[in-house]
Amino acid sequence: MKRKSIYLIRHGETDLNRRGVVQGSGVNSSLNEWGEAQAAAFFNAYQHVPFDKIYTSDLQRTHQSVRGFIKQGIPHESYSGLNEISWGLREGKEPNTGDTSYYRDLVLAWKAGDFDAAAEGGESPIMVRDRQIPVIETILSRPHERNILIAMHGRAMRVLLTILFKESLIHMDDYEHSNLCLYRINYSYDTGLFEMEVKNDTTHLLSLEIPQTL
């Protein structure tokens, strides 16, 4: 049976994550010290896996999250199709009551089935899904890549997981995530189906000590 093992992670923490600032695809932030520690812990836990390819978004926080593997010489490709959803005009702004209500109403609209709803100047879940599908097709067209690592973003991961498991986007928020969490998924080329092994796993982070500078 031909199978592909997919290790899907969210990027490590950034200062904007810590401050509750929405980043989206328009803010190319870098990992903070804690995020770098998370990336190192993930590398230490999974450096034994014989990854054939690393896939990331075009944003540097995903590249930094898998830097240890890239330094090993593992082939790496980045795709804008894996970028975070664009949250539009409010990206990168300090959180306030008005913005919090705005985002809450937007997510509620998605939960009600309005997947064409988009943040002002941003993307809808349908738009994110449409740009992810060609990347997924590219990845699956390479059966010789038996073990792959994909580094992405929170909302984009939620969209991608509904695609893989042939679910309505209404189930996006069923997939919880945290910084440098792991979803491990198997794909069977014989059946064309995905099987979930691990969800939102952060056990590789348990030994971390919070940096004194935070």
Protein backbone atom coordinates (compact mmCIF):
# COMPACT_ATOMS: atom_id res chain seq x y z
CA MET A 1 0.00 0.00 0.00
CA LYS A 2 1.44 3.37 -1.05
CA ARG A 3 1.16 5.92 1.72
CA LYS A 4 2.30 9.44 2.47
CA SER A 5 2.88 10.66 6.02
CA ILE A 6 2.11 14.34 6.45
CA TYR A 7 3.44 16.26 9.44
CA LEU A 8 1.45 19.51 9.50
CA ILE A 9 2.53 22.24 11.92
CA ARG A 10 1.55 25.77 12.73
CA HIS A 11 4.44 28.25 12.98
CA GLY A 12 6.00 29.17 16.30
CA GLU A 13 5.04 32.21 18.35
CA THR A 14 5.65 35.78 17.19
CA ASP A 15 5.50 38.95 19.26
CA LEU A 16 2.22 39.80 17.53
CA ASN A 17 0.77 36.43 18.58
CA ARG A 18 1.75 37.21 22.16
CA ARG A 19 0.08 40.64 22.00
CA GLY A 20 -3.09 39.33 20.37
CA VAL A 21 -2.51 41.23 17.13
CA VAL A 22 -4.03 39.70 13.99
CA GLN A 23 -1.26 39.02 11.47
CA GLY A 24 -2.73 37.37 8.40
CA SER A 25 -0.90 37.12 5.10
CA GLY A 26 -0.08 40.82 4.92
CA VAL A 27 2.18 40.92 7.99
CA ASN A 28 5.49 39.10 7.54
CA SER A 29 6.47 38.88 11.20
CA SER A 30 9.33 36.78 12.57
CA LEU A 31 9.41 34.35 15.48
CA ASN A 32 10.14 35.77 18.90
CA GLU A 33 12.51 34.09 21.38
CA TRP A 34 9.79 31.75 22.62
CA GLY A 35 8.85 30.87 19.05
CA GLU A 36 12.48 30.05 18.27
CA ALA A 37 12.55 27.81 21.34
CA GLN A 38 9.39 26.06 20.16
CA ALA A 39 10.94 25.50 16.72
CA ALA A 40 14.09 24.07 18.31
CA ALA A 41 12.04 21.76 20.52
CA PHE A 42 10.08 20.46 17.54
CA PHE A 43 13.29 19.86 15.62
CA ASN A 44 14.82 17.98 18.55
CA ALA A 45 11.74 15.77 18.80
CA TYR A 46 11.37 14.98 15.08
CA GLN A 47 14.83 15.27 13.55
CA HIS A 48 14.88 11.48 13.28
CA VAL A 49 12.01 11.47 10.77
CA PRO A 50 13.35 10.93 7.22
CA PHE A 51 11.54 13.85 5.61
CA ASP A 52 11.70 13.87 1.82
CA LYS A 53 10.43 17.43 1.41
CA ILE A 54 9.49 20.50 3.43
CA TYR A 55 6.63 22.72 2.32
CA THR A 56 5.97 26.17 3.79
CA SER A 57 4.05 29.32 3.07
CA ASP A 58 5.91 32.31 1.66
CA LEU A 59 5.96 34.02 5.07
CA GLN A 60 9.15 33.96 7.12
CA ARG A 61 7.59 32.73 10.35
CA THR A 62 6.93 29.36 8.70
CA HIS A 63 10.46 29.18 7.24
CA GLN A 64 11.96 29.95 10.65
CA SER A 65 9.83 27.25 12.27
CA VAL A 66 11.49 24.54 10.15
CA ARG A 67 14.95 26.10 9.85
CA GLY A 68 16.63 23.17 11.61
CA PHE A 69 15.35 20.72 9.01
CA ILE A 70 16.28 22.99 6.10
CA LYS A 71 19.82 23.23 7.47
CA GLN A 72 19.99 19.44 7.25
CA GLY A 73 19.71 19.82 3.48
CA ILE A 74 16.13 18.57 3.15
CA PRO A 75 14.57 20.00 -0.06
CA HIS A 76 12.25 22.93 0.66
CA GLU A 77 9.52 24.58 -1.39
CA SER A 78 7.39 27.58 -0.41
CA TYR A 79 3.97 28.43 -1.82
CA SER A 80 1.85 31.55 -1.43
CA GLY A 81 -1.12 29.20 -1.62
CA LEU A 82 -0.22 28.08 1.92
CA ASN A 83 -0.16 31.64 3.28
CA GLU A 84 -2.44 32.66 6.13
CA ILE A 85 -5.83 34.10 5.27
CA SER A 86 -5.73 37.82 4.56
CA TRP A 87 -7.58 39.61 7.34
CA GLY A 88 -7.57 42.79 5.28
CA LEU A 89 -7.31 46.37 6.51
CA ARG A 90 -7.15 45.47 10.20
CA GLU A 91 -4.05 43.27 9.97
CA GLY A 92 -1.17 44.27 12.22
CA LYS A 93 -3.21 46.71 14.32
CA GLU A 94 -3.32 46.66 18.09
CA PRO A 95 -6.46 44.88 19.29
CA ASN A 96 -9.38 47.01 20.37
CA THR A 97 -13.01 46.41 21.28
CA GLY A 98 -14.30 47.34 17.82
CA ASP A 99 -11.94 45.00 16.00
CA THR A 100 -12.66 42.17 18.42
CA SER A 101 -16.39 42.47 17.70
CA TYR A 102 -15.70 42.72 13.96
CA TYR A 103 -13.68 39.48 13.87
CA ARG A 104 -16.17 37.71 16.14
CA ASP A 105 -19.03 38.59 13.78
CA LEU A 106 -17.00 37.43 10.79
CA VAL A 107 -16.23 34.05 12.35
CA LEU A 108 -19.89 33.69 13.36
CA ALA A 109 -20.87 34.32 9.73
CA TRP A 110 -18.54 31.50 8.66
CA LYS A 111 -19.99 29.18 11.29
CA ALA A 112 -23.43 30.00 9.89
CA GLY A 113 -22.29 28.92 6.42
CA ASP A 114 -21.45 32.25 4.78
CA PHE A 115 -18.05 31.19 3.44
CA ASP A 116 -17.94 34.06 0.94
CA ALA A 117 -17.83 36.56 3.80
CA ALA A 118 -14.44 38.30 3.89
CA ALA A 119 -12.76 40.86 6.09
CA GLU A 120 -12.70 44.30 4.49
CA GLY A 121 -9.90 44.22 1.94
CA GLY A 122 -9.19 40.59 2.82
CA GLU A 123 -10.06 37.03 1.85
CA SER A 124 -12.95 34.68 2.43
CA PRO A 125 -12.52 31.01 3.36
CA ILE A 126 -13.62 30.09 -0.17
CA MET A 127 -10.77 32.17 -1.59
CA VAL A 128 -8.25 30.50 0.73
CA ARG A 129 -9.57 27.06 -0.20
CA ASP A 130 -9.31 27.82 -3.91
CA ARG A 131 -5.62 28.80 -3.66
CA GLN A 132 -4.78 25.82 -1.43
CA ILE A 133 -6.22 23.13 -3.70
CA PRO A 134 -3.53 23.43 -6.43
CA VAL A 135 -0.81 23.13 -3.76
CA ILE A 136 -2.45 20.02 -2.29
CA GLU A 137 -2.69 18.52 -5.78
CA THR A 138 1.01 19.21 -6.36
CA ILE A 139 1.97 17.57 -3.06
CA LEU A 140 -0.16 14.49 -3.72
CA SER A 141 1.22 14.15 -7.25
CA ARG A 142 4.58 13.19 -5.73
CA PRO A 143 4.15 9.69 -4.26
CA HIS A 144 7.93 9.29 -3.98
CA GLU A 145 7.85 11.85 -1.14
CA ARG A 146 6.83 9.41 1.59
CA ASN A 147 7.32 11.74 4.58
CA ILE A 148 6.67 15.46 4.28
CA LEU A 149 6.62 18.40 6.68
CA ILE A 150 4.25 21.30 6.06
CA ALA A 151 4.50 24.56 8.04
CA MET A 152 1.47 26.84 7.86
CA HIS A 153 -0.78 29.21 9.80
CA GLY A 154 -3.78 28.81 12.07
CA ARG A 155 -6.80 29.73 9.95
CA ALA A 156 -5.16 28.41 6.78
CA MET A 157 -4.59 25.05 8.53
CA ARG A 158 -8.23 24.88 9.48
CA VAL A 159 -9.27 25.41 5.87
CA LEU A 160 -6.77 22.85 4.60
CA LEU A 161 -7.91 20.16 7.03
CA THR A 162 -11.51 20.48 5.86
CA ILE A 163 -10.28 20.00 2.29
CA LEU A 164 -8.29 16.88 3.15
CA PHE A 165 -11.17 15.28 5.02
CA LYS A 166 -13.80 16.36 2.46
CA GLU A 167 -15.75 18.39 5.01
CA SER A 168 -17.75 21.56 4.74
CA LEU A 169 -15.92 24.71 5.77
CA ILE A 170 -18.47 24.96 8.55
CA HIS A 171 -16.21 22.51 10.42
CA MET A 172 -13.10 24.74 10.26
CA ASP A 173 -13.21 25.62 13.91
CA ASP A 174 -13.45 21.99 14.96
CA TYR A 175 -9.68 21.91 14.36
CA GLU A 176 -7.97 23.51 17.33
CA HIS A 177 -4.43 24.77 17.03
CA SER A 178 -1.66 26.45 19.00
CA ASN A 179 1.80 27.72 18.13
CA LEU A 180 4.04 24.89 16.91
CA CYS A 181 1.32 22.27 17.27
CA LEU A 182 1.42 19.12 15.17
CA TYR A 183 -1.23 17.34 13.14
CA ARG A 184 -0.01 14.01 11.77
CA ILE A 185 -1.99 12.63 8.85
CA ASN A 186 -1.60 9.58 6.60
CA TYR A 187 -2.68 9.53 2.97
CA SER A 188 -3.36 6.29 1.10
CA TYR A 189 -2.77 6.38 -2.64
CA ASP A 190 -4.82 3.19 -2.95
CA THR A 191 -8.00 4.62 -1.42
CA GLY A 192 -7.42 8.36 -1.92
CA LEU A 193 -8.36 8.90 1.72
CA PHE A 194 -6.66 10.69 4.64
CA GLU A 195 -6.42 9.28 8.15
CA MET A 196 -5.82 11.46 11.21
CA GLU A 197 -3.21 10.13 13.63
CA VAL A 198 -2.49 13.11 15.89
CA LYS A 199 -4.40 16.35 16.49
CA ASN A 200 -3.00 19.63 17.84
CA ASP A 201 -0.17 17.79 19.59
CA THR A 202 2.25 19.89 21.66
CA THR A 203 3.91 17.19 23.79
CA HIS A 204 7.24 18.07 22.15
CA LEU A 205 7.02 21.46 23.91
CA LEU A 206 6.50 20.18 27.45
CA SER A 207 10.16 20.33 28.43
CA LEU A 208 10.58 23.97 27.42
CA GLU A 209 11.45 26.61 29.98
CA ILE A 210 9.99 30.02 29.28
CA PRO A 211 12.83 32.43 28.36
CA GLN A 212 13.55 34.92 31.11
CA THR A 213 13.18 37.83 28.71
CA LEU A 214 9.47 37.14 28.25
